[in-house]
């Protein structure tokens, strides 16, 4: 990839803004609000699921493509994958909805919601309240906010707007500065992304260095690059309460079986 990741992140965010403008022209905000109010997120379900201490809490991800690796799964049926995850004991399921770089769609989230009852996270580059309304309308219980993609004022605003819509928020940080920003807005679930969004490099030990800065009453989630039971056991011992894993499952013959085996091995 010749384009730097910093440029890639900016490109994705700019593209997202344009996509949202187009969607808002197709469905005005007032109409989307009415549709969103017909769905009721299950407030607190994600927190409850990730707080359990009697199991290994995995947020299993549905995504067809990743910028760092290209197409992960040519035959992609998110509802079937999610059903396999739920049966295998996923604490929650993350669904990529970004279309350009991840081949995602809101329809994937809707299909997954119809297929499973576990908490659902809309994973996208959220930059506007319109996307929060979309998430609620599609059946999400929670959304992702990426510190690196937002200035602190916008991050705080969207965090508050999500709460007003009864959506929980996973706030994603990669380094100490971003983590402090996440804490400053009152984030209660913080994901430490082991992938540096400015280089695409993955270092699972990024999680090791930041956990000491996460208050005990905040749910810490380790994300990206987690492949083995040893990874999960080590990070769980450090204080992580959940793990967001996608590519490892998406490249397996059967994602649900791969999840079940990893959970069993990490107990």
Protein backbone atom coordinates (compact mmCIF):
# COMPACT_ATOMS: atom_id res chain seq x y z
CA UNK A 1 0.00 0.00 0.00
CA UNK A 2 1.61 3.25 -1.07
CA UNK A 3 -0.85 5.53 0.70
CA UNK A 4 0.06 6.22 4.31
CA UNK A 5 -2.39 5.09 6.93
CA UNK A 6 -2.78 8.63 8.24
CA UNK A 7 -3.90 9.60 4.74
CA UNK A 8 -6.05 6.46 4.60
CA UNK A 9 -7.82 7.35 7.83
CA UNK A 10 -8.46 10.88 6.56
CA UNK A 11 -9.68 9.45 3.26
CA UNK A 12 -12.09 7.07 4.96
CA UNK A 13 -13.46 9.81 7.21
CA UNK A 14 -13.89 12.22 4.29
CA UNK A 15 -15.54 9.50 2.23
CA UNK A 16 -17.83 8.68 5.13
CA UNK A 17 -18.97 12.28 5.34
CA UNK A 18 -19.86 12.25 1.64
CA UNK A 19 -21.67 8.93 1.94
CA UNK A 20 -23.71 10.25 4.88
CA UNK A 21 -24.65 13.36 2.88
CA UNK A 22 -25.95 11.16 0.07
CA UNK A 23 -27.90 8.94 2.44
CA UNK A 24 -29.41 11.96 4.18
CA UNK A 25 -30.64 13.25 0.83
CA UNK A 26 -32.27 9.87 0.22
CA UNK A 27 -33.79 9.64 3.70
CA UNK A 28 -34.14 13.01 5.46
CA UNK A 29 -33.15 13.06 9.09
CA UNK A 30 -36.73 13.52 10.32
CA UNK A 31 -37.77 10.31 8.57
CA UNK A 32 -34.77 8.44 9.93
CA UNK A 33 -35.56 9.68 13.44
CA UNK A 34 -39.08 8.31 13.19
CA UNK A 35 -37.73 4.96 12.03
CA UNK A 36 -35.06 4.90 14.73
CA UNK A 37 -37.65 5.47 17.44
CA UNK A 38 -39.44 2.29 16.42
CA UNK A 39 -36.39 0.31 17.62
CA UNK A 40 -35.27 0.21 21.24
CA UNK A 41 -31.62 -0.56 21.96
CA UNK A 42 -31.15 -2.85 24.93
CA UNK A 43 -29.41 -0.31 27.13
CA UNK A 44 -26.75 -1.79 29.37
CA UNK A 45 -26.67 -5.17 27.65
CA UNK A 46 -23.16 -4.71 26.25
CA UNK A 47 -21.79 -3.56 29.59
CA UNK A 48 -23.40 -6.52 31.31
CA UNK A 49 -22.08 -8.96 28.72
CA UNK A 50 -18.51 -7.66 28.89
CA UNK A 51 -18.52 -7.53 32.69
CA UNK A 52 -19.04 -11.24 33.17
CA UNK A 53 -16.16 -12.96 34.94
CA UNK A 54 -17.32 -16.56 34.46
CA UNK A 55 -16.23 -16.76 30.81
CA UNK A 56 -13.86 -15.36 28.20
CA UNK A 57 -15.70 -12.39 26.70
CA UNK A 58 -15.14 -12.13 22.97
CA UNK A 59 -16.69 -9.52 20.70
CA UNK A 60 -16.66 -11.51 17.47
CA UNK A 61 -16.55 -9.48 14.30
CA UNK A 62 -18.28 -9.80 10.95
CA UNK A 63 -16.30 -8.13 8.16
CA UNK A 64 -15.68 -9.13 4.59
CA UNK A 65 -12.66 -6.99 3.84
CA UNK A 66 -9.84 -5.15 5.63
CA UNK A 67 -7.60 -2.42 4.14
CA UNK A 68 -4.49 -4.16 5.46
CA UNK A 69 -5.32 -7.58 3.96
CA UNK A 70 -7.94 -7.13 1.26
CA UNK A 71 -10.84 -9.55 0.96
CA UNK A 72 -10.95 -11.84 3.99
CA UNK A 73 -13.98 -13.89 3.01
CA UNK A 74 -15.20 -14.09 -0.56
CA UNK A 75 -18.39 -15.90 0.44
CA UNK A 76 -19.76 -13.55 3.09
CA UNK A 77 -23.07 -14.14 4.85
CA UNK A 78 -23.02 -11.98 8.00
CA UNK A 79 -26.26 -13.39 9.41
CA UNK A 80 -25.00 -16.98 9.15
CA UNK A 81 -21.62 -16.01 10.57
CA UNK A 82 -23.27 -14.19 13.46
CA UNK A 83 -25.52 -17.15 14.20
CA UNK A 84 -22.40 -19.31 14.41
CA UNK A 85 -20.77 -16.79 16.75
CA UNK A 86 -23.82 -16.65 19.00
CA UNK A 87 -23.98 -20.44 19.22
CA UNK A 88 -20.27 -20.56 20.03
CA UNK A 89 -20.62 -18.22 23.00
CA UNK A 90 -19.79 -14.76 21.70
CA UNK A 91 -20.34 -12.10 24.36
CA UNK A 92 -21.23 -9.61 21.61
CA UNK A 93 -20.96 -9.25 17.85
CA UNK A 94 -19.40 -6.40 15.90
CA UNK A 95 -20.62 -5.73 12.37
CA UNK A 96 -18.61 -3.63 9.91
CA UNK A 97 -20.91 -1.29 8.01
CA UNK A 98 -18.34 0.90 6.18
CA UNK A 99 -18.86 0.21 2.45
CA UNK A 100 -15.79 1.45 0.59
CA UNK A 101 -12.86 -0.10 2.44
CA UNK A 102 -14.59 -2.93 4.34
CA UNK A 103 -17.40 -3.94 1.95
CA UNK A 104 -19.86 -3.33 4.77
CA UNK A 105 -23.48 -2.20 4.74
CA UNK A 106 -26.20 -1.26 7.20
CA UNK A 107 -28.19 -4.13 5.71
CA UNK A 108 -25.59 -6.50 7.17
CA UNK A 109 -26.31 -5.11 10.62
CA UNK A 110 -30.05 -5.47 10.09
CA UNK A 111 -29.63 -9.07 8.95
CA UNK A 112 -27.49 -9.90 11.97
CA UNK A 113 -29.99 -8.27 14.33
CA UNK A 114 -32.72 -10.48 12.88
CA UNK A 115 -30.56 -13.56 13.37
CA UNK A 116 -29.16 -13.22 16.90
CA UNK A 117 -30.05 -11.87 20.31
CA UNK A 118 -26.58 -11.04 21.63
CA UNK A 119 -25.52 -7.38 21.95
CA UNK A 120 -24.60 -5.79 18.61
CA UNK A 121 -21.96 -3.16 17.93
CA UNK A 122 -22.09 -1.06 14.77
CA UNK A 123 -18.45 -0.70 13.74
CA UNK A 124 -17.92 2.20 11.38
CA UNK A 125 -16.29 5.61 11.19
CA UNK A 126 -18.96 7.54 13.07
CA UNK A 127 -18.75 11.26 12.39
CA UNK A 128 -22.36 12.44 12.69
CA UNK A 129 -25.54 12.05 14.68
CA UNK A 130 -27.21 10.78 11.51
CA UNK A 131 -25.07 7.64 11.74
CA UNK A 132 -26.11 7.14 15.37
CA UNK A 133 -29.74 7.25 14.26
CA UNK A 134 -28.93 4.77 11.50
CA UNK A 135 -27.35 2.46 14.05
CA UNK A 136 -30.40 2.52 16.29
CA UNK A 137 -32.75 2.06 13.34
CA UNK A 138 -30.76 -0.95 12.13
CA UNK A 139 -30.88 -2.66 15.52
CA UNK A 140 -27.52 -1.84 17.07
CA UNK A 141 -27.11 -1.76 20.83
CA UNK A 142 -23.79 0.08 20.69
CA UNK A 143 -21.54 2.06 18.37
CA UNK A 144 -17.83 2.58 17.94
CA UNK A 145 -16.24 6.01 18.28
CA UNK A 146 -12.59 6.26 17.18
CA UNK A 147 -10.58 8.90 19.03
CA UNK A 148 -8.10 9.25 16.15
CA UNK A 149 -10.92 10.13 13.74
CA UNK A 150 -12.53 12.91 15.79
CA UNK A 151 -11.48 16.08 17.56
CA UNK A 152 -12.19 16.08 21.28
CA UNK A 153 -15.24 18.35 21.03
CA UNK A 154 -16.89 16.16 18.39
CA UNK A 155 -15.94 12.99 20.26
CA UNK A 156 -17.58 14.29 23.41
CA UNK A 157 -20.66 15.49 21.53
CA UNK A 158 -21.21 12.17 19.74
CA UNK A 159 -20.62 10.25 22.96
CA UNK A 160 -23.38 12.25 24.63
CA UNK A 161 -25.74 11.98 21.67
CA UNK A 162 -25.28 8.21 21.60
CA UNK A 163 -26.21 8.01 25.26
CA UNK A 164 -29.32 10.10 24.61
CA UNK A 165 -30.30 7.54 21.97
CA UNK A 166 -29.72 4.73 24.50
CA UNK A 167 -26.75 3.41 22.54
CA UNK A 168 -23.70 2.23 24.45
CA UNK A 169 -20.32 3.33 23.13
CA UNK A 170 -17.02 1.55 22.67
CA UNK A 171 -14.43 4.35 22.50
CA UNK A 172 -11.29 3.24 20.70
CA UNK A 173 -7.79 4.49 21.52
CA UNK A 174 -4.31 3.41 20.49
CA UNK A 175 -1.91 5.40 22.66
CA UNK A 176 -1.79 7.21 25.98
CA UNK A 177 -2.91 10.56 24.57
CA UNK A 178 -5.96 9.01 22.91
CA UNK A 179 -6.73 6.99 26.03
CA UNK A 180 -6.67 10.13 28.16
CA UNK A 181 -9.09 11.78 25.72
CA UNK A 182 -11.42 8.79 25.94
CA UNK A 183 -11.37 8.97 29.73
CA UNK A 184 -11.88 12.75 29.72
CA UNK A 185 -15.26 12.40 27.98
CA UNK A 186 -16.43 9.78 30.46
CA UNK A 187 -16.04 6.66 28.34
CA UNK A 188 -17.08 3.56 30.26
CA UNK A 189 -15.99 1.00 27.65
CA UNK A 190 -12.58 1.63 26.10
CA UNK A 191 -11.02 -0.41 23.33
CA UNK A 192 -7.25 -0.42 23.07
CA UNK A 193 -6.48 -1.00 19.41
CA UNK A 194 -3.22 -2.85 18.91
CA UNK A 195 -3.23 -1.68 15.30
CA UNK A 196 -1.65 1.72 14.84
CA UNK A 197 -4.03 3.55 12.51
CA UNK A 198 -1.13 5.61 11.21
CA UNK A 199 1.08 2.71 10.12
CA UNK A 200 -1.30 -0.30 10.00
CA UNK A 201 1.29 -2.14 12.06
CA UNK A 202 -0.01 -4.41 14.79
CA UNK A 203 1.71 -4.86 18.14
CA UNK A 204 -0.32 -6.85 20.64
CA UNK A 205 1.85 -5.42 23.41
CA UNK A 206 0.25 -1.99 22.91
CA UNK A 207 -2.45 -3.35 25.17
CA UNK A 208 0.14 -4.22 27.82
CA UNK A 209 1.41 -0.68 28.15
CA UNK A 210 -1.96 1.08 28.42
CA UNK A 211 -3.93 -1.12 30.79
CA UNK A 212 -2.37 0.51 33.86
CA UNK A 213 -3.96 3.82 32.81
CA UNK A 214 -7.47 2.36 32.59
CA UNK A 215 -9.46 2.78 35.82
CA UNK A 216 -10.75 -0.44 37.34
CA UNK A 217 -14.36 0.62 36.88
CA UNK A 218 -13.90 1.11 33.13
CA UNK A 219 -14.28 -1.94 30.88
CA UNK A 220 -11.07 -2.45 28.91
CA UNK A 221 -11.28 -4.24 25.56
CA UNK A 222 -8.20 -5.36 23.64
CA UNK A 223 -8.57 -5.14 19.85
CA UNK A 224 -6.66 -6.34 16.78
CA UNK A 225 -3.90 -8.87 16.30
CA UNK A 226 -5.19 -11.35 18.88
CA UNK A 227 -4.74 -14.87 17.59
CA UNK A 228 -3.96 -17.33 20.37
CA UNK A 229 -5.39 -18.44 23.68
CA UNK A 230 -2.12 -17.28 25.24
CA UNK A 231 -2.82 -13.73 24.01
CA UNK A 232 -6.21 -13.74 25.70
CA UNK A 233 -5.02 -15.34 28.90
CA UNK A 234 -2.14 -12.90 29.27
CA UNK A 235 -4.27 -9.84 28.60
CA UNK A 236 -7.08 -11.08 30.80
CA UNK A 237 -4.60 -11.43 33.66
CA UNK A 238 -3.54 -7.83 33.08
CA UNK A 239 -7.10 -6.60 33.48
CA UNK A 240 -8.79 -6.74 30.08
CA UNK A 241 -12.36 -7.88 30.33
CA UNK A 242 -13.07 -8.47 26.65
CA UNK A 243 -11.40 -9.01 23.29
CA UNK A 244 -12.53 -7.84 19.87
CA UNK A 245 -11.44 -10.34 17.22
CA UNK A 246 -12.29 -10.40 13.54
CA UNK A 247 -9.67 -11.37 10.98
CA UNK A 248 -8.71 -14.58 12.77
CA UNK A 249 -12.28 -15.81 12.49
CA UNK A 250 -13.03 -14.39 9.06
CA UNK A 251 -10.19 -16.38 7.49
CA UNK A 252 -11.18 -19.64 9.22
CA UNK A 253 -13.16 -22.33 7.42
CA UNK A 254 -15.93 -21.98 10.00
CA UNK A 255 -15.82 -18.74 12.04
CA UNK A 256 -18.13 -20.07 14.74
CA UNK A 257 -16.06 -23.19 15.32
CA UNK A 258 -12.89 -21.08 15.39
CA UNK A 259 -14.45 -18.87 18.08
CA UNK A 260 -15.61 -21.84 20.14
CA UNK A 261 -12.16 -23.43 20.03
CA UNK A 262 -10.42 -20.20 21.03
CA UNK A 263 -12.76 -19.67 23.98
CA UNK A 264 -12.27 -23.25 25.16
CA UNK A 265 -8.48 -22.95 24.89
CA UNK A 266 -8.39 -19.60 26.70
CA UNK A 267 -10.41 -20.71 29.74
